Amino acid sequence: MDKATKAMTAFTNKYLQNTGTSLCTDKSVPAVVIKGLAEHKVALGAPLCPCRFYEDKEAEAKDGYWNCPCVPMRERHECHCMLFLTEDNPFAGSEQEIGYDEVVDFSKGMS
């Protein structure tokens, strides 16, 4: 799980830079999302968006539409999870990086 969390943290930081998006001012939001993406990466083999309900997670992961970055994010810069925020979002902060230790600390107690 640590390896997947580190990988998803690194992916998030790179994608933030590549898209010019920012993290939420409350870093617990991206931390929990990153942890959920890592859990799905381990369990499903793909970083399925953890912020949605799925009847069949395996089928959704295989389909790829909601795998991070999801199609709405890639096409319109719309992130349902509030992981990648555009500057016009009222919750967008100025930071484009989150550390692995922050992810671990802020997501403690999440199973």
PDB file of N, CA and C in Angstrom:
ATOM      1  N   MET A   1       0.812  -1.199   0.000  1.00  0.00           N
ATOM      2  CA  MET A   1       0.000   0.000   0.000  1.00  0.00           C
ATOM      3  C   MET A   1       0.860   1.268   0.000  1.00  0.00           C
ATOM      4  N   ASP A   2       1.992   1.221   0.721  1.00  0.00           N
ATOM      5  CA  ASP A   2       2.887   2.384   0.749  1.00  0.00           C
ATOM      6  C   ASP A   2       3.395   2.738  -0.642  1.00  0.00           C
ATOM      7  N   LYS A   3       3.746   1.716  -1.403  1.00  0.00           N
ATOM      8  CA  LYS A   3       4.269   1.938  -2.757  1.00  0.00           C
ATOM      9  C   LYS A   3       3.206   2.618  -3.633  1.00  0.00           C
ATOM     10  N   ALA A   4       1.976   2.145  -3.544  1.00  0.00           N
ATOM     11  CA  ALA A   4       0.894   2.733  -4.342  1.00  0.00           C
ATOM     12  C   ALA A   4       0.596   4.158  -3.891  1.00  0.00           C
ATOM     13  N   THR A   5       0.645   4.405  -2.595  1.00  0.00           N
ATOM     14  CA  THR A   5       0.394   5.755  -2.081  1.00  0.00           C
ATOM     15  C   THR A   5       1.495   6.709  -2.536  1.00  0.00           C
ATOM     16  N   LYS A   6       2.732   6.252  -2.500  1.00  0.00           N
ATOM     17  CA  LYS A   6       3.844   7.080  -2.991  1.00  0.00           C
ATOM     18  C   LYS A   6       3.678   7.361  -4.479  1.00  0.00           C
ATOM     19  N   ALA A   7       3.298   6.352  -5.236  1.00  0.00           N
ATOM     20  CA  ALA A   7       3.113   6.522  -6.684  1.00  0.00           C
ATOM     21  C   ALA A   7       1.974   7.497  -6.993  1.00  0.00           C
ATOM     22  N   MET A   8       0.870   7.380  -6.265  1.00  0.00           N
ATOM     23  CA  MET A   8      -0.264   8.265  -6.522  1.00  0.00           C
ATOM     24  C   MET A   8       0.040   9.693  -6.060  1.00  0.00           C
ATOM     25  N   THR A   9       0.846   9.836  -5.028  1.00  0.00           N
ATOM     26  CA  THR A   9       1.265  11.169  -4.582  1.00  0.00           C
ATOM     27  C   THR A   9       2.146  11.813  -5.650  1.00  0.00           C
ATOM     28  N   ALA A  10       3.092  11.059  -6.169  1.00  0.00           N
ATOM     29  CA  ALA A  10       3.974  11.568  -7.226  1.00  0.00           C
ATOM     30  C   ALA A  10       3.169  11.911  -8.485  1.00  0.00           C
ATOM     31  N   PHE A  11       2.227  11.041  -8.850  1.00  0.00           N
ATOM     32  CA  PHE A  11       1.376  11.309 -10.009  1.00  0.00           C
ATOM     33  C   PHE A  11       0.603  12.613  -9.802  1.00  0.00           C
ATOM     34  N   THR A  12       0.019  12.769  -8.623  1.00  0.00           N
ATOM     35  CA  THR A  12      -0.770  13.965  -8.328  1.00  0.00           C
ATOM     36  C   THR A  12       0.074  15.225  -8.478  1.00  0.00           C
ATOM     37  N   ASN A  13       1.254  15.222  -7.902  1.00  0.00           N
ATOM     38  CA  ASN A  13       2.127  16.397  -7.980  1.00  0.00           C
ATOM     39  C   ASN A  13       2.506  16.731  -9.415  1.00  0.00           C
ATOM     40  N   LYS A  14       2.809  15.723 -10.199  1.00  0.00           N
ATOM     41  CA  LYS A  14       3.177  15.940 -11.610  1.00  0.00           C
ATOM     42  C   LYS A  14       1.984  16.452 -12.410  1.00  0.00           C
ATOM     43  N   TYR A  15       0.808  15.860 -12.165  1.00  0.00           N
ATOM     44  CA  TYR A  15      -0.387  16.267 -12.912  1.00  0.00           C
ATOM     45  C   TYR A  15      -0.800  17.697 -12.552  1.00  0.00           C
ATOM     46  N   LEU A  16      -0.648  18.070 -11.284  1.00  0.00           N
ATOM     47  CA  LEU A  16      -0.933  19.446 -10.880  1.00  0.00           C
ATOM     48  C   LEU A  16      -0.065  20.419 -11.671  1.00  0.00           C
ATOM     49  N   GLN A  17       1.214  20.105 -11.789  1.00  0.00           N
ATOM     50  CA  GLN A  17       2.134  20.969 -12.533  1.00  0.00           C
ATOM     51  C   GLN A  17       1.793  20.996 -14.017  1.00  0.00           C
ATOM     52  N   ASN A  18       1.513  19.828 -14.578  1.00  0.00           N
ATOM     53  CA  ASN A  18       1.236  19.741 -16.015  1.00  0.00           C
ATOM     54  C   ASN A  18      -0.043  20.458 -16.423  1.00  0.00           C
ATOM     55  N   THR A  19      -1.021  20.489 -15.520  1.00  0.00           N
ATOM     56  CA  THR A  19      -2.319  21.086 -15.865  1.00  0.00           C
ATOM     57  C   THR A  19      -2.490  22.497 -15.311  1.00  0.00           C
ATOM     58  N   GLY A  20      -1.560  22.962 -14.490  1.00  0.00           N
ATOM     59  CA  GLY A  20      -1.689  24.290 -13.903  1.00  0.00           C
ATOM     60  C   GLY A  20      -2.800  24.367 -12.867  1.00  0.00           C
ATOM     61  N   THR A  21      -3.181  23.211 -12.324  1.00  0.00           N
ATOM     62  CA  THR A  21      -4.214  23.186 -11.296  1.00  0.00           C
ATOM     63  C   THR A  21      -3.561  23.214  -9.918  1.00  0.00           C
ATOM     64  N   SER A  22      -4.379  23.381  -8.892  1.00  0.00           N
ATOM     65  CA  SER A  22      -3.872  23.493  -7.524  1.00  0.00           C
ATOM     66  C   SER A  22      -4.615  22.556  -6.593  1.00  0.00           C
ATOM     67  N   LEU A  23      -4.033  22.389  -5.418  1.00  0.00           N
ATOM     68  CA  LEU A  23      -4.666  21.592  -4.372  1.00  0.00           C
ATOM     69  C   LEU A  23      -5.692  22.429  -3.619  1.00  0.00           C
ATOM     70  N   CYS A  24      -6.586  21.753  -2.960  1.00  0.00           N
ATOM     71  CA  CYS A  24      -7.545  22.389  -2.074  1.00  0.00           C
ATOM     72  C   CYS A  24      -6.795  23.045  -0.914  1.00  0.00           C
ATOM     73  N   THR A  25      -7.314  24.140  -0.405  1.00  0.00           N
ATOM     74  CA  THR A  25      -6.680  24.811   0.728  1.00  0.00           C
ATOM     75  C   THR A  25      -6.627  23.905   1.953  1.00  0.00           C
ATOM     76  N   ASP A  26      -7.577  23.000   2.089  1.00  0.00           N
ATOM     77  CA  ASP A  26      -7.587  22.013   3.167  1.00  0.00           C
ATOM     78  C   ASP A  26      -6.931  20.751   2.626  1.00  0.00           C
ATOM     79  N   LYS A  27      -5.674  20.521   2.977  1.00  0.00           N
ATOM     80  CA  LYS A  27      -4.921  19.412   2.393  1.00  0.00           C
ATOM     81  C   LYS A  27      -5.430  18.035   2.801  1.00  0.00           C
ATOM     82  N   SER A  28      -6.328  17.965   3.764  1.00  0.00           N
ATOM     83  CA  SER A  28      -6.900  16.659   4.096  1.00  0.00           C
ATOM     84  C   SER A  28      -7.761  16.148   2.936  1.00  0.00           C
ATOM     85  N   VAL A  29      -8.315  17.063   2.136  1.00  0.00           N
ATOM     86  CA  VAL A  29      -9.137  16.649   0.989  1.00  0.00           C
ATOM     87  C   VAL A  29      -8.297  15.877  -0.021  1.00  0.00           C
ATOM     88  N   PRO A  30      -7.220  16.466  -0.557  1.00  0.00           N
ATOM     89  CA  PRO A  30      -6.418  15.682  -1.513  1.00  0.00           C
ATOM     90  C   PRO A  30      -5.767  14.455  -0.876  1.00  0.00           C
ATOM     91  N   ALA A  31      -5.421  14.531   0.396  1.00  0.00           N
ATOM     92  CA  ALA A  31      -4.781  13.383   1.052  1.00  0.00           C
ATOM     93  C   ALA A  31      -5.705  12.170   1.052  1.00  0.00           C
ATOM     94  N   VAL A  32      -6.957  12.383   1.394  1.00  0.00           N
ATOM     95  CA  VAL A  32      -7.924  11.280   1.432  1.00  0.00           C
ATOM     96  C   VAL A  32      -8.195  10.754   0.023  1.00  0.00           C
ATOM     97  N   VAL A  33      -8.261  11.640  -0.945  1.00  0.00           N
ATOM     98  CA  VAL A  33      -8.480  11.210  -2.332  1.00  0.00           C
ATOM     99  C   VAL A  33      -7.292  10.379  -2.814  1.00  0.00           C
ATOM    100  N   ILE A  34      -6.085  10.840  -2.562  1.00  0.00           N
ATOM    101  CA  ILE A  34      -4.880  10.105  -2.976  1.00  0.00           C
ATOM    102  C   ILE A  34      -4.857   8.722  -2.324  1.00  0.00           C
ATOM    103  N   LYS A  35      -5.187   8.660  -1.056  1.00  0.00           N
ATOM    104  CA  LYS A  35      -5.231   7.369  -0.357  1.00  0.00           C
ATOM    105  C   LYS A  35      -6.264   6.442  -1.011  1.00  0.00           C
ATOM    106  N   GLY A  36      -7.425   6.973  -1.352  1.00  0.00           N
ATOM    107  CA  GLY A  36      -8.460   6.179  -2.021  1.00  0.00           C
ATOM    108  C   GLY A  36      -8.025   5.704  -3.399  1.00  0.00           C
ATOM    109  N   LEU A  37      -7.343   6.575  -4.136  1.00  0.00           N
ATOM    110  CA  LEU A  37      -6.821   6.183  -5.450  1.00  0.00           C
ATOM    111  C   LEU A  37      -5.804   5.055  -5.304  1.00  0.00           C
ATOM    112  N   ALA A  38      -4.940   5.161  -4.304  1.00  0.00           N
ATOM    113  CA  ALA A  38      -3.930   4.123  -4.066  1.00  0.00           C
ATOM    114  C   ALA A  38      -4.586   2.799  -3.696  1.00  0.00           C
ATOM    115  N   GLU A  39      -5.597   2.856  -2.856  1.00  0.00           N
ATOM    116  CA  GLU A  39      -6.305   1.626  -2.475  1.00  0.00           C
ATOM    117  C   GLU A  39      -6.939   0.961  -3.689  1.00  0.00           C
ATOM    118  N   HIS A  40      -7.536   1.761  -4.560  1.00  0.00           N
ATOM    119  CA  HIS A  40      -8.134   1.194  -5.770  1.00  0.00           C
ATOM    120  C   HIS A  40      -7.070   0.659  -6.718  1.00  0.00           C
ATOM    121  N   LYS A  41      -5.932   1.344  -6.786  1.00  0.00           N
ATOM    122  CA  LYS A  41      -4.837   0.864  -7.641  1.00  0.00           C
ATOM    123  C   LYS A  41      -4.395  -0.531  -7.206  1.00  0.00           C
ATOM    124  N   VAL A  42      -4.300  -0.739  -5.888  1.00  0.00           N
ATOM    125  CA  VAL A  42      -3.894  -2.042  -5.360  1.00  0.00           C
ATOM    126  C   VAL A  42      -5.006  -3.077  -5.567  1.00  0.00           C
ATOM    127  N   ALA A  43      -6.229  -2.728  -5.219  1.00  0.00           N
ATOM    128  CA  ALA A  43      -7.333  -3.690  -5.246  1.00  0.00           C
ATOM    129  C   ALA A  43      -7.857  -3.984  -6.651  1.00  0.00           C
ATOM    130  N   LEU A  44      -7.837  -2.949  -7.522  1.00  0.00           N
ATOM    131  CA  LEU A  44      -8.464  -3.091  -8.842  1.00  0.00           C
ATOM    132  C   LEU A  44      -7.472  -3.042 -10.002  1.00  0.00           C
ATOM    133  N   GLY A  45      -6.243  -2.652  -9.705  1.00  0.00           N
ATOM    134  CA  GLY A  45      -5.247  -2.528 -10.762  1.00  0.00           C
ATOM    135  C   GLY A  45      -5.309  -1.215 -11.510  1.00  0.00           C
ATOM    136  N   ALA A  46      -6.180  -0.303 -11.060  1.00  0.00           N
ATOM    137  CA  ALA A  46      -6.331   0.998 -11.704  1.00  0.00           C
ATOM    138  C   ALA A  46      -6.757   2.024 -10.649  1.00  0.00           C
ATOM    139  N   PRO A  47      -6.352   3.289 -10.821  1.00  0.00           N
ATOM    140  CA  PRO A  47      -6.706   4.327  -9.855  1.00  0.00           C
ATOM    141  C   PRO A  47      -8.128   4.858 -10.088  1.00  0.00           C
ATOM    142  N   LEU A  48      -9.095   4.025  -9.826  1.00  0.00           N
ATOM    143  CA  LEU A  48     -10.502   4.391 -10.000  1.00  0.00           C
ATOM    144  C   LEU A  48     -10.868   5.504  -9.023  1.00  0.00           C
ATOM    145  N   CYS A  49     -11.576   6.491  -9.497  1.00  0.00           N
ATOM    146  CA  CYS A  49     -11.999   7.617  -8.668  1.00  0.00           C
ATOM    147  C   CYS A  49     -12.692   7.101  -7.405  1.00  0.00           C
ATOM    148  N   PRO A  50     -12.206   7.502  -6.223  1.00  0.00           N
ATOM    149  CA  PRO A  50     -12.798   7.015  -4.978  1.00  0.00           C
ATOM    150  C   PRO A  50     -13.997   7.838  -4.516  1.00  0.00           C
ATOM    151  N   CYS A  51     -14.362   8.854  -5.263  1.00  0.00           N
ATOM    152  CA  CYS A  51     -15.402   9.788  -4.827  1.00  0.00           C
ATOM    153  C   CYS A  51     -16.768   9.509  -5.455  1.00  0.00           C
ATOM    154  N   ARG A  52     -16.883   8.403  -6.099  1.00  0.00           N
ATOM    155  CA  ARG A  52     -18.142   8.055  -6.757  1.00  0.00           C
ATOM    156  C   ARG A  52     -18.603   6.686  -6.266  1.00  0.00           C
ATOM    157  N   PHE A  53     -19.897   6.412  -6.450  1.00  0.00           N
ATOM    158  CA  PHE A  53     -20.441   5.096  -6.129  1.00  0.00           C
ATOM    159  C   PHE A  53     -20.504   4.282  -7.417  1.00  0.00           C
ATOM    160  N   TYR A  54     -20.122   3.027  -7.327  1.00  0.00           N
ATOM    161  CA  TYR A  54     -20.139   2.136  -8.489  1.00  0.00           C
ATOM    162  C   TYR A  54     -20.878   0.855  -8.130  1.00  0.00           C
ATOM    163  N   GLU A  55     -21.724   0.417  -9.025  1.00  0.00           N
ATOM    164  CA  GLU A  55     -22.374  -0.889  -8.858  1.00  0.00           C
ATOM    165  C   GLU A  55     -21.334  -1.998  -8.977  1.00  0.00           C
ATOM    166  N   ASP A  56     -20.376  -1.795  -9.889  1.00  0.00           N
ATOM    167  CA  ASP A  56     -19.358  -2.809 -10.167  1.00  0.00           C
ATOM    168  C   ASP A  56     -18.013  -2.108 -10.368  1.00  0.00           C
ATOM    169  N   LYS A  57     -17.240  -2.021  -9.319  1.00  0.00           N
ATOM    170  CA  LYS A  57     -15.956  -1.311  -9.378  1.00  0.00           C
ATOM    171  C   LYS A  57     -15.002  -1.922 -10.384  1.00  0.00           C
ATOM    172  N   GLU A  58     -14.978  -3.252 -10.450  1.00  0.00           N
ATOM    173  CA  GLU A  58     -14.063  -3.920 -11.379  1.00  0.00           C
ATOM    174  C   GLU A  58     -14.371  -3.543 -12.823  1.00  0.00           C
ATOM    175  N   ALA A  59     -15.651  -3.537 -13.169  1.00  0.00           N
ATOM    176  CA  ALA A  59     -16.059  -3.180 -14.532  1.00  0.00           C
ATOM    177  C   ALA A  59     -15.727  -1.720 -14.830  1.00  0.00           C
ATOM    178  N   GLU A  60     -15.949  -0.852 -13.858  1.00  0.00           N
ATOM    179  CA  GLU A  60     -15.654   0.567 -14.049  1.00  0.00           C
ATOM    180  C   GLU A  60     -14.152   0.799 -14.224  1.00  0.00           C
ATOM    181  N   ALA A  61     -13.352   0.109 -13.431  1.00  0.00           N
ATOM    182  CA  ALA A  61     -11.901   0.242 -13.552  1.00  0.00           C
ATOM    183  C   ALA A  61     -11.429  -0.228 -14.926  1.00  0.00           C
ATOM    184  N   LYS A  62     -12.032  -1.306 -15.394  1.00  0.00           N
ATOM    185  CA  LYS A  62     -11.667  -1.848 -16.709  1.00  0.00           C
ATOM    186  C   LYS A  62     -12.080  -0.893 -17.831  1.00  0.00           C
ATOM    187  N   ASP A  63     -13.247  -0.257 -17.668  1.00  0.00           N
ATOM    188  CA  ASP A  63     -13.752   0.690 -18.668  1.00  0.00           C
ATOM    189  C   ASP A  63     -12.827   1.900 -18.791  1.00  0.00           C
ATOM    190  N   GLY A  64     -12.332   2.389 -17.656  1.00  0.00           N
ATOM    191  CA  GLY A  64     -11.359   3.468 -17.669  1.00  0.00           C
ATOM    192  C   GLY A  64     -11.892   4.884 -17.603  1.00  0.00           C
ATOM    193  N   TYR A  65     -13.174   5.085 -17.795  1.00  0.00           N
ATOM    194  CA  TYR A  65     -13.734   6.437 -17.828  1.00  0.00           C
ATOM    195  C   TYR A  65     -13.457   7.203 -16.530  1.00  0.00           C
ATOM    196  N   TRP A  66     -13.616   6.518 -15.391  1.00  0.00           N
ATOM    197  CA  TRP A  66     -13.431   7.165 -14.089  1.00  0.00           C
ATOM    198  C   TRP A  66     -12.068   6.902 -13.470  1.00  0.00           C
ATOM    199  N   ASN A  67     -11.130   6.339 -14.225  1.00  0.00           N
ATOM    200  CA  ASN A  67      -9.773   6.168 -13.716  1.00  0.00           C
ATOM    201  C   ASN A  67      -9.065   7.524 -13.755  1.00  0.00           C
ATOM    202  N   CYS A  68      -8.367   7.843 -12.702  1.00  0.00           N
ATOM    203  CA  CYS A  68      -7.727   9.148 -12.554  1.00  0.00           C
ATOM    204  C   CYS A  68      -6.498   9.271 -13.461  1.00  0.00           C
ATOM    205  N   PRO A  69      -6.417  10.359 -14.219  1.00  0.00           N
ATOM    206  CA  PRO A  69      -7.383  11.436 -14.330  1.00  0.00           C
ATOM    207  C   PRO A  69      -8.558  10.995 -15.204  1.00  0.00           C
ATOM    208  N   CYS A  70      -9.741  11.239 -14.708  1.00  0.00           N
ATOM    209  CA  CYS A  70     -10.959  10.793 -15.392  1.00  0.00           C
ATOM    210  C   CYS A  70     -11.192  11.615 -16.663  1.00  0.00           C
ATOM    211  N   VAL A  71     -12.101  11.152 -17.480  1.00  0.00           N
ATOM    212  CA  VAL A  71     -12.402  11.835 -18.735  1.00  0.00           C
ATOM    213  C   VAL A  71     -12.854  13.286 -18.498  1.00  0.00           C
ATOM    214  N   PRO A  72     -13.753  13.561 -17.547  1.00  0.00           N
ATOM    215  CA  PRO A  72     -14.124  14.967 -17.335  1.00  0.00           C
ATOM    216  C   PRO A  72     -12.928  15.861 -16.975  1.00  0.00           C
ATOM    217  N   MET A  73     -11.975  15.320 -16.219  1.00  0.00           N
ATOM    218  CA  MET A  73     -10.787  16.104 -15.879  1.00  0.00           C
ATOM    219  C   MET A  73      -9.922  16.312 -17.114  1.00  0.00           C
ATOM    220  N   ARG A  74      -9.701  15.270 -17.860  1.00  0.00           N
ATOM    221  CA  ARG A  74      -8.848  15.383 -19.054  1.00  0.00           C
ATOM    222  C   ARG A  74      -9.466  16.309 -20.095  1.00  0.00           C
ATOM    223  N   GLU A  75     -10.777  16.250 -20.247  1.00  0.00           N
ATOM    224  CA  GLU A  75     -11.428  17.032 -21.302  1.00  0.00           C
ATOM    225  C   GLU A  75     -11.795  18.454 -20.894  1.00  0.00           C
ATOM    226  N   ARG A  76     -12.225  18.639 -19.632  1.00  0.00           N
ATOM    227  CA  ARG A  76     -12.766  19.945 -19.224  1.00  0.00           C
ATOM    228  C   ARG A  76     -12.152  20.514 -17.946  1.00  0.00           C
ATOM    229  N   HIS A  77     -11.154  19.833 -17.401  1.00  0.00           N
ATOM    230  CA  HIS A  77     -10.549  20.226 -16.121  1.00  0.00           C
ATOM    231  C   HIS A  77     -11.590  20.290 -15.005  1.00  0.00           C
ATOM    232  N   GLU A  78     -12.479  19.293 -14.985  1.00  0.00           N
ATOM    233  CA  GLU A  78     -13.502  19.177 -13.944  1.00  0.00           C
ATOM    234  C   GLU A  78     -13.190  17.951 -13.092  1.00  0.00           C
ATOM    235  N   CYS A  79     -12.737  18.201 -11.864  1.00  0.00           N
ATOM    236  CA  CYS A  79     -12.391  17.119 -10.948  1.00  0.00           C
ATOM    237  C   CYS A  79     -13.437  17.033  -9.843  1.00  0.00           C
ATOM    238  N   HIS A  80     -14.259  16.004  -9.910  1.00  0.00           N
ATOM    239  CA  HIS A  80     -15.320  15.768  -8.942  1.00  0.00           C
ATOM    240  C   HIS A  80     -14.767  15.614  -7.530  1.00  0.00           C
ATOM    241  N   CYS A  81     -13.562  15.085  -7.397  1.00  0.00           N
ATOM    242  CA  CYS A  81     -12.941  14.807  -6.093  1.00  0.00           C
ATOM    243  C   CYS A  81     -12.306  16.028  -5.437  1.00  0.00           C
ATOM    244  N   MET A  82     -12.188  17.095  -6.172  1.00  0.00           N
ATOM    245  CA  MET A  82     -11.497  18.305  -5.701  1.00  0.00           C
ATOM    246  C   MET A  82     -10.005  18.049  -5.475  1.00  0.00           C
ATOM    247  N   LEU A  83      -9.447  17.138  -6.260  1.00  0.00           N
ATOM    248  CA  LEU A  83      -8.011  16.878  -6.195  1.00  0.00           C
ATOM    249  C   LEU A  83      -7.249  17.884  -7.053  1.00  0.00           C
ATOM    250  N   PHE A  84      -7.765  18.156  -8.224  1.00  0.00           N
ATOM    251  CA  PHE A  84      -7.147  19.092  -9.161  1.00  0.00           C
ATOM    252  C   PHE A  84      -8.109  20.264  -9.361  1.00  0.00           C
ATOM    253  N   LEU A  85      -7.787  21.402  -8.770  1.00  0.00           N
ATOM    254  CA  LEU A  85      -8.690  22.543  -8.812  1.00  0.00           C
ATOM    255  C   LEU A  85      -8.154  23.656  -9.697  1.00  0.00           C
ATOM    256  N   THR A  86      -9.057  24.208 -10.515  1.00  0.00           N
ATOM    257  CA  THR A  86      -8.688  25.346 -11.353  1.00  0.00           C
ATOM    258  C   THR A  86      -8.739  26.611 -10.503  1.00  0.00           C
ATOM    259  N   GLU A  87      -8.085  27.645 -10.972  1.00  0.00           N
ATOM    260  CA  GLU A  87      -7.961  28.872 -10.173  1.00  0.00           C
ATOM    261  C   GLU A  87      -9.294  29.544  -9.864  1.00  0.00           C
ATOM    262  N   ASP A  88     -10.317  29.276 -10.665  1.00  0.00           N
ATOM    263  CA  ASP A  88     -11.625  29.888 -10.416  1.00  0.00           C
ATOM    264  C   ASP A  88     -12.431  29.145  -9.349  1.00  0.00           C
ATOM    265  N   ASN A  89     -11.919  28.032  -8.855  1.00  0.00           N
ATOM    266  CA  ASN A  89     -12.604  27.284  -7.810  1.00  0.00           C
ATOM    267  C   ASN A  89     -12.340  27.970  -6.462  1.00  0.00           C
ATOM    268  N   PRO A  90     -13.407  28.263  -5.700  1.00  0.00           N
ATOM    269  CA  PRO A  90     -13.213  28.966  -4.432  1.00  0.00           C
ATOM    270  C   PRO A  90     -12.411  28.184  -3.380  1.00  0.00           C
ATOM    271  N   PHE A  91     -12.254  26.877  -3.577  1.00  0.00           N
ATOM    272  CA  PHE A  91     -11.501  26.058  -2.630  1.00  0.00           C
ATOM    273  C   PHE A  91     -10.042  25.866  -3.049  1.00  0.00           C
ATOM    274  N   ALA A  92      -9.679  26.404  -4.212  1.00  0.00           N
ATOM    275  CA  ALA A  92      -8.319  26.229  -4.721  1.00  0.00           C
ATOM    276  C   ALA A  92      -7.325  27.035  -3.898  1.00  0.00           C
ATOM    277  N   GLY A  93      -6.267  26.360  -3.502  1.00  0.00           N
ATOM    278  CA  GLY A  93      -5.179  27.036  -2.810  1.00  0.00           C
ATOM    279  C   GLY A  93      -4.096  27.391  -3.808  1.00  0.00           C
ATOM    280  N   SER A  94      -2.954  27.764  -3.316  1.00  0.00           N
ATOM    281  CA  SER A  94      -1.849  28.131  -4.201  1.00  0.00           C
ATOM    282  C   SER A  94      -0.833  27.002  -4.350  1.00  0.00           C
ATOM    283  N   GLU A  95      -0.980  25.946  -3.554  1.00  0.00           N
ATOM    284  CA  GLU A  95       0.010  24.866  -3.579  1.00  0.00           C
ATOM    285  C   GLU A  95      -0.255  23.862  -4.688  1.00  0.00           C
ATOM    286  N   GLN A  96       0.840  23.415  -5.291  1.00  0.00           N
ATOM    287  CA  GLN A  96       0.785  22.413  -6.349  1.00  0.00           C
ATOM    288  C   GLN A  96       1.579  21.176  -5.964  1.00  0.00           C
ATOM    289  N   GLU A  97       1.753  20.971  -4.678  1.00  0.00           N
ATOM    290  CA  GLU A  97       2.506  19.801  -4.234  1.00  0.00           C
ATOM    291  C   GLU A  97       2.031  19.374  -2.852  1.00  0.00           C
ATOM    292  N   ILE A  98       1.948  18.066  -2.687  1.00  0.00           N
ATOM    293  CA  ILE A  98       1.643  17.480  -1.390  1.00  0.00           C
ATOM    294  C   ILE A  98       2.670  16.377  -1.152  1.00  0.00           C
ATOM    295  N   GLY A  99       3.159  16.273   0.056  1.00  0.00           N
ATOM    296  CA  GLY A  99       4.155  15.267   0.372  1.00  0.00           C
ATOM    297  C   GLY A  99       3.529  13.949   0.792  1.00  0.00           C
ATOM    298  N   TYR A 100       4.273  12.896   0.613  1.00  0.00           N
ATOM    299  CA  TYR A 100       3.818  11.562   1.032  1.00  0.00           C
ATOM    300  C   TYR A 100       3.461  11.556   2.514  1.00  0.00           C
ATOM    301  N   ASP A 101       4.297  12.166   3.341  1.00  0.00           N
ATOM    302  CA  ASP A 101       4.026  12.203   4.781  1.00  0.00           C
ATOM    303  C   ASP A 101       2.726  12.946   5.088  1.00  0.00           C
ATOM    304  N   GLU A 102       2.443  13.995   4.333  1.00  0.00           N
ATOM    305  CA  GLU A 102       1.179  14.719   4.515  1.00  0.00           C
ATOM    306  C   GLU A 102      -0.005  13.819   4.178  1.00  0.00           C
ATOM    307  N   VAL A 103       0.119  13.069   3.108  1.00  0.00           N
ATOM    308  CA  VAL A 103      -0.954  12.156   2.709  1.00  0.00           C
ATOM    309  C   VAL A 103      -1.215  11.148   3.820  1.00  0.00           C
ATOM    310  N   VAL A 104      -0.148  10.578   4.348  1.00  0.00           N
ATOM    311  CA  VAL A 104      -0.281   9.595   5.421  1.00  0.00           C
ATOM    312  C   VAL A 104      -0.917  10.230   6.666  1.00  0.00           C
ATOM    313  N   ASP A 105      -0.399  11.383   7.060  1.00  0.00           N
ATOM    314  CA  ASP A 105      -0.893  12.051   8.269  1.00  0.00           C
ATOM    315  C   ASP A 105      -2.362  12.457   8.146  1.00  0.00           C
ATOM    316  N   PHE A 106      -2.696  13.100   7.032  1.00  0.00           N
ATOM    317  CA  PHE A 106      -4.065  13.601   6.866  1.00  0.00           C
ATOM    318  C   PHE A 106      -5.088  12.500   6.623  1.00  0.00           C
ATOM    319  N   SER A 107      -4.642  11.338   6.170  1.00  0.00           N
ATOM    320  CA  SER A 107      -5.590  10.261   5.880  1.00  0.00           C
ATOM    321  C   SER A 107      -5.609   9.180   6.971  1.00  0.00           C
ATOM    322  N   LYS A 108      -4.977   9.443   8.097  1.00  0.00           N
ATOM    323  CA  LYS A 108      -4.992   8.479   9.194  1.00  0.00           C
ATOM    324  C   LYS A 108      -6.426   8.184   9.604  1.00  0.00           C
ATOM    325  N   GLY A 109      -6.669   6.930   9.924  1.00  0.00           N
ATOM    326  CA  GLY A 109      -8.007   6.512  10.353  1.00  0.00           C
ATOM    327  C   GLY A 109      -8.903   6.130   9.191  1.00  0.00           C
ATOM    328  N   MET A 110      -8.463   6.415   7.973  1.00  0.00           N
ATOM    329  CA  MET A 110      -9.230   6.026   6.790  1.00  0.00           C
ATOM    330  C   MET A 110      -8.880   4.594   6.453  1.00  0.00           C
ATOM    331  N   SER A 111      -9.884   3.760   6.297  1.00  0.00           N
ATOM    332  CA  SER A 111      -9.581   2.360   5.973  1.00  0.00           C
ATOM    333  C   SER A 111      -9.756   2.070   4.513  1.00  0.00           C
TER     334      SER A 111
END
